[in-house]
Amino acid sequence: MSRRRTLSTRKKVALLVSAAAVAGGGAFAMAGTSNASQGPQTAAQSTVCQGLATALGNNQRFIEGQRAAPDAQSAARIANREAVIAQIKVQQKASGCVVGESAQGSQTATGQPAPAAPPSAPAATQAPPAGNAASGQRVCNGSTVTLSGEAGAPAASSNQFPVGTKLKVTNLDNNKSTTVEVTSASGSCALLNNAAFEQVREPGKFLIRRAVIEKVG
């Protein structure tokens, strides 16, 4: 009688363990299916994706400008920026972002287009264009800063400052700054190349939302 009770108890324990394993396996399978169903993130869902989308948009806008008003160096510039775009798309895929998503640098922190500017002030009180700003003056207030994807020594490109202008970019989120020279044109006020962006970035981020840009030379 005692032996039968023992065997019965062992069988019950074995059945309970098996049932738990099946239930756990089912839960794991459901979790795996749920994770697999999550698609790539958009710029509105991720700061990393927003930074990459902005960089892609800036490069695309630069190429459009070169094609609209070509010169002797346009073909070389376009080829260079197309290579940069290809690299940005590789970064988008590696970061789990929508590959090829493009945005312009005028976006606000929410990923929505920036609000319309207030009516222009009378000519006598208007601030001078950014390119004419005095040395040491803050410029491009409210602009976000991202990277161009270009290699080389720390440098910047700009749509408002001529080649040779020196800009100081400060990331207010970590108080890191870099002073770089504008070496080419782009689609935003200050677009940093990879080396310059590394000097001021926060780990894992491709966008500086709170930036101070100063013309220093």
Protein backbone atom coordinates (compact mmCIF):
# COMPACT_ATOMS: atom_id res chain seq x y z
CA MET A 1 0.00 0.00 0.00
CA SER A 2 2.85 2.32 0.95
CA ARG A 3 4.68 1.50 -2.33
CA ARG A 4 1.58 2.33 -4.41
CA ARG A 5 1.19 5.69 -2.66
CA THR A 6 4.87 6.50 -3.33
CA LEU A 7 4.61 5.68 -7.00
CA SER A 8 1.42 7.66 -7.28
CA THR A 9 3.07 10.70 -5.68
CA ARG A 10 6.07 10.46 -8.05
CA LYS A 11 3.79 10.27 -11.06
CA LYS A 12 1.91 13.35 -9.89
CA VAL A 13 5.14 15.32 -9.44
CA ALA A 14 6.34 14.28 -12.90
CA LEU A 15 3.07 15.31 -14.47
CA LEU A 16 3.19 18.71 -12.73
CA VAL A 17 6.78 19.34 -13.89
CA SER A 18 5.88 18.41 -17.46
CA ALA A 19 2.86 20.69 -17.43
CA ALA A 20 4.95 23.57 -16.10
CA ALA A 21 7.57 23.02 -18.80
CA VAL A 22 4.94 23.03 -21.53
CA ALA A 23 3.35 26.18 -20.12
CA GLY A 24 6.73 27.89 -19.84
CA GLY A 25 7.64 26.89 -23.38
CA GLY A 26 4.37 28.26 -24.64
CA ALA A 27 4.95 31.55 -22.84
CA PHE A 28 8.47 31.76 -24.28
CA ALA A 29 7.15 31.08 -27.77
CA MET A 30 4.50 33.78 -27.37
CA ALA A 31 7.10 36.27 -26.15
CA GLY A 32 9.36 35.41 -29.06
CA THR A 33 6.51 35.89 -31.50
CA SER A 34 5.63 39.22 -29.89
CA ASN A 35 9.23 40.49 -30.14
CA ALA A 36 9.54 39.32 -33.70
CA SER A 37 6.41 41.23 -34.67
CA GLN A 38 7.92 44.55 -33.55
CA GLY A 39 9.07 46.36 -36.66
CA PRO A 40 11.82 48.98 -37.10
CA GLN A 41 11.43 52.23 -35.16
CA THR A 42 10.67 55.55 -36.81
CA ALA A 43 12.27 58.93 -36.12
CA ALA A 44 9.27 59.86 -33.95
CA GLN A 45 9.87 56.80 -31.72
CA SER A 46 13.61 56.99 -31.18
CA THR A 47 16.18 59.74 -30.66
CA VAL A 48 18.79 57.62 -32.44
CA CYS A 49 16.50 57.12 -35.44
CA GLN A 50 15.61 60.81 -35.52
CA GLY A 51 19.29 61.78 -35.62
CA LEU A 52 20.02 59.38 -38.46
CA ALA A 53 16.92 60.48 -40.39
CA THR A 54 17.98 64.11 -40.01
CA ALA A 55 21.50 63.36 -41.22
CA LEU A 56 20.06 61.51 -44.22
CA GLY A 57 17.71 64.39 -45.04
CA ASN A 58 20.50 66.96 -44.82
CA ASN A 59 22.65 65.02 -47.25
CA GLN A 60 19.77 64.50 -49.65
CA ARG A 61 18.99 68.22 -49.59
CA PHE A 62 22.65 69.01 -50.29
CA ILE A 63 22.60 66.71 -53.33
CA GLU A 64 19.41 68.36 -54.58
CA GLY A 65 21.09 71.75 -54.31
CA GLN A 66 24.12 70.57 -56.24
CA ARG A 67 21.96 69.16 -59.01
CA ALA A 68 19.89 72.35 -59.20
CA ALA A 69 22.97 74.58 -59.53
CA PRO A 70 25.89 72.39 -60.65
CA ASP A 71 29.50 73.50 -61.03
CA ALA A 72 32.74 71.78 -61.96
CA GLN A 73 32.96 69.99 -58.58
CA SER A 74 29.31 69.00 -58.21
CA ALA A 75 29.71 65.46 -59.57
CA ALA A 76 32.45 64.69 -57.04
CA ARG A 77 30.49 66.23 -54.18
CA ILE A 78 27.36 64.28 -55.11
CA ALA A 79 29.29 61.00 -55.32
CA ASN A 80 30.77 61.68 -51.87
CA ARG A 81 27.39 62.45 -50.32
CA GLU A 82 25.80 59.38 -51.93
CA ALA A 83 28.45 57.27 -50.22
CA VAL A 84 27.63 59.02 -46.95
CA ILE A 85 23.92 58.28 -47.44
CA ALA A 86 24.70 54.61 -48.02
CA GLN A 87 26.64 54.53 -44.73
CA ILE A 88 23.80 56.25 -42.86
CA LYS A 89 21.39 53.60 -44.14
CA VAL A 90 23.73 50.91 -42.80
CA GLN A 91 23.63 52.68 -39.42
CA GLN A 92 19.83 52.88 -39.57
CA LYS A 93 19.57 49.13 -40.10
CA ALA A 94 22.06 48.36 -37.33
CA SER A 95 20.16 50.65 -34.93
CA GLY A 96 16.78 49.06 -35.66
CA CYS A 97 15.47 52.13 -37.51
CA VAL A 98 13.40 52.40 -40.68
CA VAL A 99 16.03 52.23 -43.42
CA GLY A 100 15.83 55.21 -45.77
CA GLU A 101 13.64 57.37 -43.51
CA SER A 102 14.55 60.98 -44.13
CA ALA A 103 13.92 64.17 -42.17
CA GLN A 104 15.23 67.71 -42.36
CA GLY A 105 17.20 69.41 -39.61
CA SER A 106 14.44 71.95 -38.90
CA GLN A 107 12.52 69.40 -36.79
CA THR A 108 11.74 70.07 -33.15
CA ALA A 109 12.39 67.61 -30.34
CA THR A 110 9.04 65.93 -30.95
CA GLY A 111 9.96 65.07 -34.51
CA GLN A 112 7.26 67.42 -35.87
CA PRO A 113 8.00 70.34 -38.19
CA ALA A 114 9.10 73.46 -36.36
CA PRO A 115 6.36 76.05 -35.85
CA ALA A 116 6.16 78.98 -38.21
CA ALA A 117 8.37 81.91 -37.30
CA PRO A 118 6.68 85.07 -36.01
CA PRO A 119 6.17 87.98 -38.42
CA SER A 120 9.42 89.68 -39.40
CA ALA A 121 10.45 92.67 -37.36
CA PRO A 122 10.94 96.03 -39.09
CA ALA A 123 14.15 96.23 -41.09
CA ALA A 124 15.78 98.54 -38.55
CA THR A 125 15.47 95.98 -35.75
CA GLN A 126 16.09 92.75 -37.64
CA ALA A 127 19.09 90.68 -36.59
CA PRO A 128 21.76 90.24 -39.26
CA PRO A 129 21.82 86.94 -41.20
CA ALA A 130 23.74 84.19 -39.45
CA GLY A 131 26.56 84.36 -41.98
CA ASN A 132 27.13 88.03 -41.12
CA ALA A 133 27.17 87.51 -37.35
CA ALA A 134 30.04 89.00 -35.37
CA SER A 135 32.71 86.75 -33.91
CA GLY A 136 31.60 85.28 -30.57
CA GLN A 137 27.90 85.73 -31.34
CA ARG A 138 25.39 82.92 -30.93
CA VAL A 139 23.82 81.85 -34.21
CA CYS A 140 21.11 79.49 -35.46
CA ASN A 141 19.19 79.55 -32.18
CA GLY A 142 17.00 76.47 -31.74
CA SER A 143 18.82 74.42 -34.37
CA THR A 144 19.47 70.75 -33.71
CA VAL A 145 22.89 69.35 -34.57
CA THR A 146 23.61 65.98 -36.12
CA LEU A 147 26.37 64.30 -38.11
CA SER A 148 27.05 64.24 -41.81
CA GLY A 149 28.56 60.74 -41.80
CA GLU A 150 31.75 62.04 -43.40
CA ALA A 151 35.19 60.91 -42.28
CA GLY A 152 38.33 63.00 -41.78
CA ALA A 153 39.59 65.45 -39.17
CA PRO A 154 36.95 67.28 -37.09
CA ALA A 155 35.07 69.72 -39.35
CA ALA A 156 31.63 71.08 -40.14
CA SER A 157 29.51 71.95 -43.15
CA SER A 158 26.89 74.68 -43.28
CA ASN A 159 24.26 76.33 -45.44
CA GLN A 160 24.77 79.72 -43.80
CA PHE A 161 28.50 80.16 -43.29
CA PRO A 162 31.24 80.21 -45.93
CA VAL A 163 34.17 77.81 -46.00
CA GLY A 164 36.79 78.90 -43.49
CA THR A 165 34.32 80.07 -40.81
CA LYS A 166 35.00 78.67 -37.35
CA LEU A 167 32.04 77.50 -35.28
CA LYS A 168 31.91 76.41 -31.66
CA VAL A 169 29.22 73.81 -30.95
CA THR A 170 28.26 73.04 -27.35
CA ASN A 171 26.05 70.14 -26.29
CA LEU A 172 24.10 71.45 -23.29
CA ASP A 173 23.15 67.93 -22.22
CA ASN A 174 26.76 67.09 -21.30
CA ASN A 175 28.50 70.49 -21.56
CA LYS A 176 30.97 69.19 -24.14
CA SER A 177 32.14 71.59 -26.85
CA THR A 178 34.08 71.44 -30.09
CA THR A 179 35.41 74.23 -32.28
CA VAL A 180 35.57 73.32 -35.95
CA GLU A 181 36.08 74.96 -39.31
CA VAL A 182 33.43 74.93 -42.02
CA THR A 183 34.90 73.01 -44.93
CA SER A 184 31.88 72.51 -47.20
CA ALA A 185 28.22 73.32 -47.78
CA SER A 186 25.30 71.29 -46.39
CA GLY A 187 21.59 71.53 -45.77
CA SER A 188 21.70 72.83 -42.18
CA CYS A 189 23.29 75.57 -40.08
CA ALA A 190 25.96 73.31 -38.60
CA LEU A 191 26.42 69.70 -39.63
CA LEU A 192 29.35 67.98 -37.90
CA ASN A 193 31.39 65.23 -39.49
CA ASN A 194 31.93 61.99 -37.58
CA ALA A 195 35.10 63.06 -35.73
CA ALA A 196 33.62 66.38 -34.58
CA PHE A 197 30.33 64.79 -33.54
CA GLU A 198 32.18 62.20 -31.43
CA GLN A 199 33.71 65.04 -29.40
CA VAL A 200 30.34 66.32 -28.18
CA ARG A 201 27.88 63.45 -28.51
CA GLU A 202 26.20 61.46 -25.78
CA PRO A 203 26.74 57.69 -26.08
CA GLY A 204 24.31 56.05 -28.49
CA LYS A 205 22.79 59.33 -29.72
CA PHE A 206 22.93 60.76 -33.24
CA LEU A 207 21.17 64.03 -32.48
CA ILE A 208 21.93 67.01 -30.23
CA ARG A 209 18.66 68.70 -29.41
CA ARG A 210 19.97 71.28 -26.93
CA ALA A 211 22.90 72.88 -28.70
CA VAL A 212 24.55 76.29 -28.64
CA ILE A 213 26.27 77.31 -31.88
CA GLU A 214 28.66 80.27 -31.84
CA LYS A 215 30.61 81.92 -34.62
CA VAL A 216 34.14 82.29 -33.25
CA GLY A 217 36.16 83.11 -36.33
